[in-house]
Amino acid sequence: MMMKVCKDFGIKRLVFQHVNEGFKVAPEMAAQGVMASVFSDWWAYKLEVYNSTAYNAAILTRNGVVTSINSDDAELMRHLYHETAKTQKYGNLTDDEALALITINPAKQLGVENRIGSIEVGKDGDIVIFKNHPLSVYAIPSLTIVDGIVRFDREKDADDMRLMVDPRQDLQLTTFLQDYRSKDSCLEGVENFMSLFNLNAEEQ
């Protein structure tokens, strides 16, 4: 119904979001040039995805639907290369097909494929270089380049203090609390906030 309405009104760029049961109408979507943005493997957690499947993205892709993997979860959004790797387990997509789900395909859906989404002359220099295969759970981002400028270099940047926290280190929580309160009022009136953190090494 939606595709027919959009066709009647001449809407050319149509992307169905969270179309987790899109595999049911994949040929029809491909025929009209309708694209799909889906979760990798979520199903049966509410009525409209009760019959979904982890093979959804692969079926859409193999039917010629320009498909992307997305998430509206703040944590999973940071690991889309892991999410898209699931299409290799569920659907046997190639490396190129799987990577396209989080690179060139979403760029096409947004209408910015002339600038981003693939490594080509004239496009924005937005690149991440990984140690180990980017679709592997062992992938480690080593270098991040945005607009041709190195924004992160694992070899040169300072160590991430969250990895090895020294319990004797002065965390300057007073400054932290002041900064936090200046940006967000949710901590106003909290009197015991400092006592939760102001522990010395022996107490920890």
N, C-alpha and C. Protein backbone atom coordinates (compact mmCIF):
# COMPACT_ATOMS: atom_id res chain seq x y z
N MET A 1 0.83 -1.20 0.00
CA MET A 1 0.00 0.00 0.00
C MET A 1 0.86 1.25 0.00
N MET A 2 1.87 1.29 0.90
CA MET A 2 2.74 2.47 0.98
C MET A 2 3.50 2.68 -0.31
N MET A 3 3.98 1.61 -0.91
CA MET A 3 4.72 1.74 -2.17
C MET A 3 3.82 2.26 -3.28
N LYS A 4 2.57 1.82 -3.30
CA LYS A 4 1.63 2.29 -4.32
C LYS A 4 1.33 3.77 -4.15
N VAL A 5 1.14 4.20 -2.90
CA VAL A 5 0.86 5.61 -2.63
C VAL A 5 2.05 6.47 -3.07
N CYS A 6 3.26 6.05 -2.70
CA CYS A 6 4.46 6.82 -3.05
C CYS A 6 4.66 6.86 -4.57
N LYS A 7 4.33 5.76 -5.22
CA LYS A 7 4.45 5.73 -6.68
C LYS A 7 3.46 6.71 -7.31
N ASP A 8 2.24 6.77 -6.79
CA ASP A 8 1.22 7.68 -7.31
C ASP A 8 1.65 9.14 -7.17
N PHE A 9 2.36 9.45 -6.07
CA PHE A 9 2.77 10.83 -5.81
C PHE A 9 4.18 11.13 -6.32
N GLY A 10 4.77 10.19 -7.04
CA GLY A 10 6.06 10.42 -7.67
C GLY A 10 7.25 10.49 -6.72
N ILE A 11 7.13 9.86 -5.57
CA ILE A 11 8.24 9.85 -4.60
C ILE A 11 9.27 8.84 -5.08
N LYS A 12 10.46 9.32 -5.38
CA LYS A 12 11.48 8.47 -5.99
C LYS A 12 12.37 7.77 -4.97
N ARG A 13 12.76 8.51 -3.94
CA ARG A 13 13.69 7.93 -2.95
C ARG A 13 12.90 7.51 -1.72
N LEU A 14 12.63 6.24 -1.63
CA LEU A 14 11.84 5.71 -0.52
C LEU A 14 12.65 4.67 0.24
N VAL A 15 12.80 4.90 1.54
CA VAL A 15 13.55 3.97 2.40
C VAL A 15 12.65 3.55 3.55
N PHE A 16 12.36 2.28 3.63
CA PHE A 16 11.59 1.77 4.76
C PHE A 16 12.53 1.57 5.94
N GLN A 17 12.18 2.16 7.08
CA GLN A 17 12.99 2.04 8.29
C GLN A 17 12.48 0.88 9.15
N HIS A 18 13.43 0.15 9.74
CA HIS A 18 13.09 -0.96 10.64
C HIS A 18 12.17 -1.96 9.96
N VAL A 19 12.40 -2.18 8.68
CA VAL A 19 11.52 -3.07 7.91
C VAL A 19 11.99 -4.52 8.12
N ASN A 20 11.79 -4.98 9.36
CA ASN A 20 12.33 -6.27 9.75
C ASN A 20 11.59 -7.46 9.15
N GLU A 21 10.45 -7.22 8.53
CA GLU A 21 9.79 -8.28 7.79
C GLU A 21 9.78 -7.97 6.29
N GLY A 22 10.76 -7.16 5.88
CA GLY A 22 10.85 -6.78 4.48
C GLY A 22 11.10 -7.93 3.53
N PHE A 23 11.68 -9.00 4.05
CA PHE A 23 11.98 -10.15 3.19
C PHE A 23 10.71 -10.71 2.54
N LYS A 24 9.56 -10.44 3.15
CA LYS A 24 8.30 -10.97 2.62
C LYS A 24 7.91 -10.31 1.30
N VAL A 25 8.38 -9.07 1.10
CA VAL A 25 8.04 -8.34 -0.13
C VAL A 25 9.31 -7.84 -0.82
N ALA A 26 10.41 -8.56 -0.65
CA ALA A 26 11.69 -8.13 -1.21
C ALA A 26 11.65 -7.94 -2.73
N PRO A 27 11.09 -8.87 -3.51
CA PRO A 27 11.05 -8.65 -4.97
C PRO A 27 10.26 -7.41 -5.36
N GLU A 28 9.14 -7.16 -4.66
CA GLU A 28 8.32 -5.99 -4.96
C GLU A 28 9.06 -4.70 -4.62
N MET A 29 9.78 -4.70 -3.51
CA MET A 29 10.57 -3.53 -3.13
C MET A 29 11.65 -3.25 -4.16
N ALA A 30 12.34 -4.31 -4.59
CA ALA A 30 13.41 -4.15 -5.58
C ALA A 30 12.87 -3.62 -6.91
N ALA A 31 11.71 -4.11 -7.30
CA ALA A 31 11.13 -3.71 -8.58
C ALA A 31 10.82 -2.21 -8.62
N GLN A 32 10.44 -1.64 -7.47
CA GLN A 32 10.10 -0.21 -7.41
C GLN A 32 11.29 0.63 -6.95
N GLY A 33 12.41 0.00 -6.62
CA GLY A 33 13.57 0.76 -6.18
C GLY A 33 13.49 1.22 -4.74
N VAL A 34 12.62 0.58 -3.96
CA VAL A 34 12.47 0.92 -2.54
C VAL A 34 13.63 0.31 -1.76
N MET A 35 14.21 1.10 -0.87
CA MET A 35 15.36 0.65 -0.09
C MET A 35 14.92 0.28 1.33
N ALA A 36 15.82 -0.36 2.08
CA ALA A 36 15.46 -0.88 3.39
C ALA A 36 16.58 -0.65 4.39
N SER A 37 16.19 -0.20 5.59
CA SER A 37 17.13 -0.05 6.70
C SER A 37 16.62 -0.91 7.84
N VAL A 38 17.42 -1.87 8.27
CA VAL A 38 16.92 -2.93 9.15
C VAL A 38 17.84 -3.18 10.34
N PHE A 39 17.29 -3.84 11.35
CA PHE A 39 18.12 -4.39 12.41
C PHE A 39 18.77 -5.67 11.90
N SER A 40 19.87 -6.07 12.52
CA SER A 40 20.58 -7.24 12.03
C SER A 40 19.87 -8.54 12.35
N ASP A 41 19.38 -8.69 13.58
CA ASP A 41 18.87 -10.00 13.97
C ASP A 41 17.80 -9.95 15.06
N TRP A 42 17.14 -8.84 15.22
CA TRP A 42 16.09 -8.75 16.24
C TRP A 42 14.77 -9.26 15.66
N TRP A 43 14.08 -10.08 16.39
CA TRP A 43 12.77 -10.54 15.95
C TRP A 43 11.96 -11.02 17.15
N ALA A 44 10.65 -11.09 16.98
CA ALA A 44 9.72 -11.66 17.95
C ALA A 44 9.68 -10.92 19.28
N TYR A 45 10.14 -9.67 19.33
CA TYR A 45 10.07 -8.92 20.58
C TYR A 45 8.86 -7.99 20.62
N LYS A 46 8.16 -7.85 19.50
CA LYS A 46 6.88 -7.16 19.47
C LYS A 46 6.14 -7.62 18.23
N LEU A 47 4.85 -7.29 18.17
CA LEU A 47 3.97 -7.89 17.17
C LEU A 47 4.44 -7.68 15.74
N GLU A 48 4.87 -6.45 15.43
CA GLU A 48 5.19 -6.16 14.02
C GLU A 48 6.48 -6.80 13.53
N VAL A 49 7.23 -7.44 14.42
CA VAL A 49 8.42 -8.17 13.97
C VAL A 49 8.36 -9.63 14.42
N TYR A 50 7.15 -10.08 14.70
CA TYR A 50 7.00 -11.44 15.23
C TYR A 50 7.53 -12.49 14.26
N ASN A 51 7.35 -12.24 12.98
CA ASN A 51 7.77 -13.21 11.97
C ASN A 51 9.07 -12.82 11.27
N SER A 52 9.83 -11.92 11.87
CA SER A 52 11.09 -11.52 11.25
C SER A 52 12.13 -12.64 11.39
N THR A 53 13.28 -12.42 10.81
CA THR A 53 14.32 -13.43 10.81
C THR A 53 15.69 -12.76 10.69
N ALA A 54 16.70 -13.41 11.22
CA ALA A 54 18.07 -12.89 11.11
C ALA A 54 18.56 -12.91 9.66
N TYR A 55 17.88 -13.61 8.78
CA TYR A 55 18.25 -13.68 7.37
C TYR A 55 17.64 -12.53 6.57
N ASN A 56 16.90 -11.65 7.22
CA ASN A 56 16.18 -10.57 6.54
C ASN A 56 17.08 -9.73 5.65
N ALA A 57 18.19 -9.21 6.22
CA ALA A 57 19.09 -8.33 5.45
C ALA A 57 19.69 -9.05 4.25
N ALA A 58 20.05 -10.31 4.44
CA ALA A 58 20.65 -11.07 3.34
C ALA A 58 19.63 -11.33 2.23
N ILE A 59 18.41 -11.66 2.61
CA ILE A 59 17.37 -11.91 1.60
C ILE A 59 17.07 -10.64 0.81
N LEU A 60 16.96 -9.52 1.52
CA LEU A 60 16.73 -8.24 0.84
C LEU A 60 17.87 -7.94 -0.13
N THR A 61 19.10 -8.11 0.34
CA THR A 61 20.28 -7.83 -0.49
C THR A 61 20.30 -8.69 -1.73
N ARG A 62 20.09 -9.97 -1.57
CA ARG A 62 20.15 -10.90 -2.70
C ARG A 62 19.00 -10.70 -3.68
N ASN A 63 17.95 -10.01 -3.24
CA ASN A 63 16.85 -9.68 -4.14
C ASN A 63 17.04 -8.33 -4.82
N GLY A 64 18.18 -7.68 -4.56
CA GLY A 64 18.47 -6.42 -5.23
C GLY A 64 17.99 -5.18 -4.51
N VAL A 65 17.58 -5.32 -3.23
CA VAL A 65 17.14 -4.16 -2.45
C VAL A 65 18.37 -3.51 -1.81
N VAL A 66 18.53 -2.21 -2.00
CA VAL A 66 19.63 -1.49 -1.34
C VAL A 66 19.32 -1.46 0.16
N THR A 67 20.11 -2.20 0.92
CA THR A 67 19.80 -2.44 2.32
C THR A 67 20.92 -1.92 3.22
N SER A 68 20.54 -1.41 4.38
CA SER A 68 21.53 -1.00 5.38
C SER A 68 21.17 -1.59 6.73
N ILE A 69 22.19 -1.73 7.57
CA ILE A 69 22.00 -2.18 8.95
C ILE A 69 22.00 -0.96 9.85
N ASN A 70 21.00 -0.85 10.73
CA ASN A 70 20.95 0.27 11.65
C ASN A 70 20.68 -0.23 13.07
N SER A 71 20.71 0.67 14.00
CA SER A 71 20.28 0.39 15.37
C SER A 71 19.85 1.70 16.01
N ASP A 72 18.83 1.65 16.85
CA ASP A 72 18.47 2.83 17.62
C ASP A 72 18.91 2.67 19.08
N ASP A 73 19.80 1.71 19.29
CA ASP A 73 20.39 1.51 20.61
C ASP A 73 21.74 2.21 20.66
N ALA A 74 21.96 3.01 21.68
CA ALA A 74 23.18 3.83 21.76
C ALA A 74 24.44 2.97 21.77
N GLU A 75 24.38 1.78 22.33
CA GLU A 75 25.56 0.91 22.39
C GLU A 75 25.77 0.16 21.08
N LEU A 76 24.71 -0.46 20.56
CA LEU A 76 24.85 -1.21 19.31
C LEU A 76 25.25 -0.30 18.16
N MET A 77 24.83 0.96 18.20
CA MET A 77 25.19 1.91 17.15
C MET A 77 26.70 2.04 17.02
N ARG A 78 27.42 1.81 18.13
CA ARG A 78 28.88 1.92 18.12
C ARG A 78 29.54 0.67 17.55
N HIS A 79 28.75 -0.37 17.29
CA HIS A 79 29.32 -1.64 16.84
C HIS A 79 28.60 -2.16 15.60
N LEU A 80 28.29 -1.26 14.69
CA LEU A 80 27.57 -1.69 13.50
C LEU A 80 28.39 -2.65 12.64
N TYR A 81 29.72 -2.57 12.74
CA TYR A 81 30.53 -3.51 11.96
C TYR A 81 30.38 -4.92 12.51
N HIS A 82 30.07 -5.06 13.80
CA HIS A 82 29.74 -6.38 14.36
C HIS A 82 28.33 -6.79 13.95
N GLU A 83 27.42 -5.81 13.96
CA GLU A 83 26.04 -6.11 13.59
C GLU A 83 25.94 -6.58 12.14
N THR A 84 26.66 -5.89 11.25
CA THR A 84 26.58 -6.27 9.84
C THR A 84 27.29 -7.60 9.57
N ALA A 85 28.26 -7.94 10.42
CA ALA A 85 28.96 -9.23 10.26
C ALA A 85 28.01 -10.40 10.46
N LYS A 86 26.92 -10.17 11.18
CA LYS A 86 25.95 -11.25 11.40
C LYS A 86 25.33 -11.73 10.10
N THR A 87 25.33 -10.87 9.07
CA THR A 87 24.76 -11.28 7.78
C THR A 87 25.62 -12.32 7.09
N GLN A 88 26.85 -12.47 7.57
CA GLN A 88 27.69 -13.51 7.00
C GLN A 88 27.37 -14.87 7.63
N LYS A 89 26.95 -14.83 8.89
CA LYS A 89 26.48 -16.06 9.53
C LYS A 89 25.08 -16.41 9.06
N TYR A 90 24.22 -15.38 9.00
CA TYR A 90 22.84 -15.57 8.57
C TYR A 90 22.69 -15.05 7.15
N GLY A 91 23.11 -15.82 6.17
CA GLY A 91 22.93 -15.43 4.78
C GLY A 91 24.15 -15.53 3.91
N ASN A 92 25.32 -15.74 4.54
CA ASN A 92 26.57 -15.94 3.78
C ASN A 92 26.89 -14.79 2.83
N LEU A 93 26.63 -13.56 3.25
CA LEU A 93 27.01 -12.43 2.41
C LEU A 93 28.54 -12.34 2.34
N THR A 94 29.04 -11.83 1.24
CA THR A 94 30.48 -11.65 1.08
C THR A 94 30.94 -10.47 1.93
N ASP A 95 32.25 -10.30 2.05
CA ASP A 95 32.79 -9.15 2.77
C ASP A 95 32.28 -7.84 2.17
N ASP A 96 32.32 -7.76 0.84
CA ASP A 96 31.90 -6.53 0.16
C ASP A 96 30.41 -6.27 0.38
N GLU A 97 29.60 -7.32 0.29
CA GLU A 97 28.16 -7.15 0.49
C GLU A 97 27.86 -6.72 1.92
N ALA A 98 28.54 -7.33 2.88
CA ALA A 98 28.30 -7.02 4.29
C ALA A 98 28.76 -5.59 4.61
N LEU A 99 29.94 -5.22 4.16
CA LEU A 99 30.46 -3.88 4.44
C LEU A 99 29.60 -2.79 3.78
N ALA A 100 29.03 -3.12 2.63
CA ALA A 100 28.16 -2.15 1.95
C ALA A 100 26.95 -1.79 2.79
N LEU A 101 26.55 -2.68 3.68
CA LEU A 101 25.38 -2.44 4.52
C LEU A 101 25.59 -1.30 5.51
N ILE A 102 26.85 -0.95 5.77
CA ILE A 102 27.13 0.15 6.71
C ILE A 102 28.02 1.23 6.08
N THR A 103 28.19 1.17 4.75
CA THR A 103 29.03 2.18 4.09
C THR A 103 28.27 2.82 2.92
N ILE A 104 28.39 2.24 1.74
CA ILE A 104 27.83 2.87 0.55
C ILE A 104 26.30 2.81 0.52
N ASN A 105 25.71 1.74 1.04
CA ASN A 105 24.25 1.63 0.98
C ASN A 105 23.53 2.70 1.80
N PRO A 106 23.90 2.92 3.07
CA PRO A 106 23.24 4.02 3.79
C PRO A 106 23.51 5.38 3.15
N ALA A 107 24.67 5.55 2.52
CA ALA A 107 24.95 6.80 1.81
C ALA A 107 23.97 6.98 0.65
N LYS A 108 23.69 5.89 -0.06
CA LYS A 108 22.71 5.95 -1.15
C LYS A 108 21.32 6.29 -0.61
N GLN A 109 20.98 5.72 0.51
CA GLN A 109 19.67 5.96 1.09
C GLN A 109 19.50 7.42 1.51
N LEU A 110 20.60 8.04 1.94
CA LEU A 110 20.56 9.43 2.35
C LEU A 110 20.78 10.40 1.18
N GLY A 111 21.14 9.85 0.03
CA GLY A 111 21.36 10.69 -1.14
C GLY A 111 22.69 11.41 -1.13
N VAL A 112 23.67 10.88 -0.41
CA VAL A 112 24.99 11.52 -0.32
C VAL A 112 26.11 10.59 -0.80
N GLU A 113 25.74 9.63 -1.63
CA GLU A 113 26.74 8.67 -2.10
C GLU A 113 27.81 9.30 -2.98
N ASN A 114 27.57 10.52 -3.45
CA ASN A 114 28.60 11.22 -4.24
C ASN A 114 29.69 11.80 -3.35
N ARG A 115 29.47 11.79 -2.03
CA ARG A 115 30.45 12.36 -1.10
C ARG A 115 31.06 11.32 -0.17
N ILE A 116 30.25 10.39 0.30
CA ILE A 116 30.73 9.43 1.31
C ILE A 116 30.26 8.02 0.95
N GLY A 117 30.73 7.05 1.72
CA GLY A 117 30.25 5.68 1.56
C GLY A 117 31.21 4.75 0.87
N SER A 118 32.19 5.30 0.16
CA SER A 118 33.19 4.47 -0.50
C SER A 118 34.47 5.29 -0.67
N ILE A 119 35.56 4.60 -0.92
CA ILE A 119 36.85 5.28 -1.08
C ILE A 119 37.08 5.55 -2.57
N GLU A 120 36.87 6.79 -2.97
CA GLU A 120 37.02 7.18 -4.36
C GLU A 120 37.59 8.59 -4.44
N VAL A 121 38.27 8.88 -5.52
CA VAL A 121 38.81 10.22 -5.75
C VAL A 121 37.67 11.23 -5.76
N GLY A 122 37.85 12.32 -5.01
CA GLY A 122 36.86 13.37 -4.98
C GLY A 122 35.87 13.28 -3.83
N LYS A 123 35.84 12.14 -3.14
CA LYS A 123 34.93 11.99 -2.01
C LYS A 123 35.61 12.45 -0.72
N ASP A 124 34.78 12.70 0.32
CA ASP A 124 35.32 13.08 1.62
C ASP A 124 36.24 11.97 2.13
N GLY A 125 37.36 12.37 2.73
CA GLY A 125 38.31 11.40 3.24
C GLY A 125 37.94 10.92 4.63
N ASP A 126 36.84 10.18 4.74
CA ASP A 126 36.40 9.63 6.02
C ASP A 126 36.69 8.13 6.04
N ILE A 127 37.70 7.74 6.80
CA ILE A 127 38.18 6.36 6.74
C ILE A 127 38.54 5.88 8.14
N VAL A 128 38.24 4.63 8.42
CA VAL A 128 38.71 3.97 9.63
C VAL A 128 39.57 2.79 9.22
N ILE A 129 40.75 2.69 9.81
CA ILE A 129 41.64 1.57 9.54
C ILE A 129 41.68 0.69 10.78
N PHE A 130 41.42 -0.60 10.59
CA PHE A 130 41.36 -1.54 11.70
C PHE A 130 42.58 -2.45 11.73
N LYS A 131 42.95 -2.85 12.92
CA LYS A 131 43.84 -3.98 13.09
C LYS A 131 42.94 -5.21 13.15
N ASN A 132 43.21 -6.20 12.35
CA ASN A 132 42.36 -7.39 12.16
C ASN A 132 41.17 -7.02 11.28
N HIS A 133 40.48 -8.03 10.83
CA HIS A 133 39.37 -7.85 9.89
C HIS A 133 38.29 -6.98 10.52
N PRO A 134 37.79 -5.96 9.81
CA PRO A 134 36.81 -5.05 10.40
C PRO A 134 35.49 -5.70 10.80
N LEU A 135 35.19 -6.88 10.25
CA LEU A 135 33.96 -7.57 10.62
C LEU A 135 34.18 -8.62 11.70
N SER A 136 35.37 -8.64 12.26
CA SER A 136 35.71 -9.60 13.30
C SER A 136 35.50 -9.00 14.68
N VAL A 137 35.20 -9.84 15.66
CA VAL A 137 35.09 -9.36 17.04
C VAL A 137 36.45 -8.94 17.57
N TYR A 138 37.51 -9.30 16.86
CA TYR A 138 38.87 -8.91 17.25
C TYR A 138 39.32 -7.62 16.58
N ALA A 139 38.43 -6.98 15.84
CA ALA A 139 38.78 -5.73 15.15
C ALA A 139 39.08 -4.63 16.17
N ILE A 140 40.17 -3.92 15.95
CA ILE A 140 40.57 -2.81 16.81
C ILE A 140 40.79 -1.58 15.93
N PRO A 141 40.01 -0.51 16.12
CA PRO A 141 40.25 0.71 15.35
C PRO A 141 41.65 1.26 15.64
N SER A 142 42.45 1.42 14.62
CA SER A 142 43.82 1.91 14.79
C SER A 142 43.97 3.36 14.35
N LEU A 143 43.21 3.75 13.34
CA LEU A 143 43.36 5.09 12.78
C LEU A 143 42.00 5.57 12.29
N THR A 144 41.64 6.79 12.65
CA THR A 144 40.40 7.39 12.17
C THR A 144 40.72 8.69 11.46
N ILE A 145 40.26 8.80 10.21
CA ILE A 145 40.50 9.98 9.40
C ILE A 145 39.16 10.57 9.00
N VAL A 146 38.96 11.86 9.29
CA VAL A 146 37.72 12.55 8.93
C VAL A 146 38.09 13.78 8.10
N ASP A 147 37.48 13.90 6.93
CA ASP A 147 37.80 15.00 6.01
C ASP A 147 39.29 15.05 5.70
N GLY A 148 39.92 13.89 5.64
CA GLY A 148 41.34 13.82 5.32
C GLY A 148 42.27 14.16 6.47
N ILE A 149 41.71 14.41 7.66
CA ILE A 149 42.51 14.78 8.83
C ILE A 149 42.50 13.63 9.83
N VAL A 150 43.65 13.24 10.34
CA VAL A 150 43.73 12.18 11.33
C VAL A 150 43.15 12.67 12.65
N ARG A 151 42.07 12.05 13.07
CA ARG A 151 41.39 12.44 14.31
C ARG A 151 41.75 11.51 15.47
N PHE A 152 42.12 10.28 15.15
CA PHE A 152 42.51 9.32 16.18
C PHE A 152 43.62 8.44 15.64
N ASP A 153 44.67 8.29 16.43
CA ASP A 153 45.79 7.43 16.06
C ASP A 153 46.16 6.62 17.29
N ARG A 154 45.89 5.34 17.25
CA ARG A 154 46.10 4.50 18.43
C ARG A 154 47.56 4.49 18.87
N GLU A 155 48.48 4.65 17.94
CA GLU A 155 49.90 4.61 18.27
C GLU A 155 50.38 5.91 18.90
N LYS A 156 49.75 7.03 18.56
CA LYS A 156 50.24 8.34 19.01
C LYS A 156 49.38 8.99 20.08
N ASP A 157 48.09 8.67 20.11
CA ASP A 157 47.21 9.29 21.09
C ASP A 157 47.52 8.78 22.49
N ALA A 158 47.18 9.58 23.48
CA ALA A 158 47.40 9.17 24.87
C ALA A 158 46.56 7.94 25.19
N ASP A 159 47.07 7.13 26.13
CA ASP A 159 46.34 5.95 26.53
C ASP A 159 44.97 6.33 27.09
N ASP A 160 44.02 5.49 26.88
CA ASP A 160 42.68 5.72 27.41
C ASP A 160 42.71 5.43 28.90
N MET A 161 42.51 6.46 29.71
CA MET A 161 42.63 6.30 31.16
C MET A 161 41.57 5.37 31.74
N ARG A 162 40.51 5.10 30.97
CA ARG A 162 39.48 4.22 31.49
C ARG A 162 39.91 2.76 31.47
N LEU A 163 40.92 2.44 30.66
CA LEU A 163 41.36 1.06 30.56
C LEU A 163 42.11 0.60 31.80
N MET A 164 42.98 1.46 32.31
CA MET A 164 43.79 1.13 33.48
C MET A 164 43.67 2.28 34.48
N VAL A 165 42.68 2.22 35.34
CA VAL A 165 42.45 3.30 36.30
C VAL A 165 43.29 3.07 37.55
N ASP A 166 44.08 4.08 37.92
CA ASP A 166 44.88 4.02 39.14
C ASP A 166 44.00 4.40 40.32
N PRO A 167 43.75 3.49 41.27
CA PRO A 167 42.85 3.80 42.39
C PRO A 167 43.39 4.90 43.29
N ARG A 168 44.70 5.20 43.19
CA ARG A 168 45.28 6.25 44.02
C ARG A 168 45.26 7.61 43.34
N GLN A 169 44.80 7.64 42.10
CA GLN A 169 44.81 8.87 41.32
C GLN A 169 43.77 9.84 41.84
N ASP A 170 44.13 11.13 41.89
CA ASP A 170 43.20 12.18 42.26
C ASP A 170 42.30 12.46 41.06
N LEU A 171 41.02 12.12 41.19
CA LEU A 171 40.10 12.25 40.06
C LEU A 171 39.49 13.64 39.94
N GLN A 172 39.81 14.53 40.90
CA GLN A 172 39.30 15.90 40.85
C GLN A 172 37.79 15.90 40.66
N LEU A 173 37.12 15.14 41.53
CA LEU A 173 35.67 14.99 41.39
C LEU A 173 34.91 16.28 41.65
N THR A 174 35.51 17.17 42.44
CA THR A 174 34.83 18.44 42.69
C THR A 174 34.63 19.21 41.39
N THR A 175 35.70 19.27 40.60
CA THR A 175 35.60 19.94 39.30
C THR A 175 34.63 19.20 38.40
N PHE A 176 34.69 17.88 38.43
CA PHE A 176 33.78 17.06 37.62
C PHE A 176 32.34 17.36 37.97
N LEU A 177 32.05 17.42 39.28
CA LEU A 177 30.69 17.66 39.72
C LEU A 177 30.21 19.04 39.30
N GLN A 178 31.08 20.04 39.42
CA GLN A 178 30.71 21.39 39.02
C GLN A 178 30.43 21.46 37.53
N ASP A 179 31.30 20.82 36.74
CA ASP A 179 31.11 20.81 35.29
C ASP A 179 29.80 20.12 34.93
N TYR A 180 29.55 19.01 35.60
CA TYR A 180 28.36 18.22 35.29
C TYR A 180 27.10 19.00 35.63
N ARG A 181 27.12 19.67 36.79
CA ARG A 181 25.95 20.42 37.20
C ARG A 181 25.71 21.63 36.30
N SER A 182 26.79 22.17 35.75
CA SER A 182 26.63 23.34 34.88
C SER A 182 25.96 22.97 33.56
N LYS A 183 26.02 21.69 33.19
CA LYS A 183 25.45 21.25 31.93
C LYS A 183 24.10 20.57 32.10
N ASP A 184 23.88 20.01 33.28
CA ASP A 184 22.67 19.23 33.49
C ASP A 184 22.20 19.43 34.91
N SER A 185 20.91 19.70 35.07
CA SER A 185 20.39 19.99 36.40
C SER A 185 19.97 18.75 37.16
N CYS A 186 20.18 17.56 36.60
CA CYS A 186 19.68 16.35 37.25
C CYS A 186 20.39 16.07 38.58
N LEU A 187 21.58 16.67 38.82
CA LEU A 187 22.31 16.43 40.06
C LEU A 187 22.08 17.51 41.10
N GLU A 188 21.23 18.46 40.80
CA GLU A 188 20.97 19.51 41.78
C GLU A 188 20.33 18.93 43.03
N GLY A 189 20.84 19.36 44.18
CA GLY A 189 20.28 18.89 45.44
C GLY A 189 20.81 17.56 45.91
N VAL A 190 21.73 16.96 45.15
CA VAL A 190 22.32 15.68 45.56
C VAL A 190 23.48 15.98 46.49
N GLU A 191 23.30 15.69 47.78
CA GLU A 191 24.30 16.05 48.77
C GLU A 191 25.37 14.98 48.94
N ASN A 192 25.01 13.72 48.70
CA ASN A 192 25.94 12.63 48.98
C ASN A 192 26.67 12.14 47.74
N PHE A 193 26.60 12.92 46.67
CA PHE A 193 27.22 12.49 45.42
C PHE A 193 28.72 12.25 45.59
N MET A 194 29.40 13.18 46.28
CA MET A 194 30.85 13.06 46.44
C MET A 194 31.22 11.86 47.29
N SER A 195 30.39 11.53 48.28
CA SER A 195 30.74 10.43 49.17
C SER A 195 30.75 9.10 48.44
N LEU A 196 30.04 9.01 47.31
CA LEU A 196 30.02 7.78 46.54
C LEU A 196 31.35 7.53 45.85
N PHE A 197 32.09 8.60 45.57
CA PHE A 197 33.31 8.48 44.80
C PHE A 197 34.57 8.78 45.61
N ASN A 198 34.42 9.49 46.70
CA ASN A 198 35.58 9.95 47.45
C ASN A 198 36.11 8.85 48.34
N LEU A 199 36.55 7.75 47.71
CA LEU A 199 37.11 6.60 48.42
C LEU A 199 38.60 6.55 48.17
N ASN A 200 39.37 6.29 49.24
CA ASN A 200 40.81 6.16 49.01
C ASN A 200 41.14 4.74 48.58
N ALA A 201 42.40 4.50 48.25
CA ALA A 201 42.82 3.21 47.71
C ALA A 201 42.54 2.08 48.69
N GLU A 202 42.73 2.33 49.99
CA GLU A 202 42.54 1.28 50.98
C GLU A 202 41.07 0.86 51.06
N GLU A 203 40.16 1.84 51.00
CA GLU A 203 38.75 1.52 51.06
C GLU A 203 38.29 0.75 49.85
N GLN A 204 38.89 1.07 48.68
CA GLN A 204 38.52 0.34 47.47
C GLN A 204 39.03 -1.09 47.55
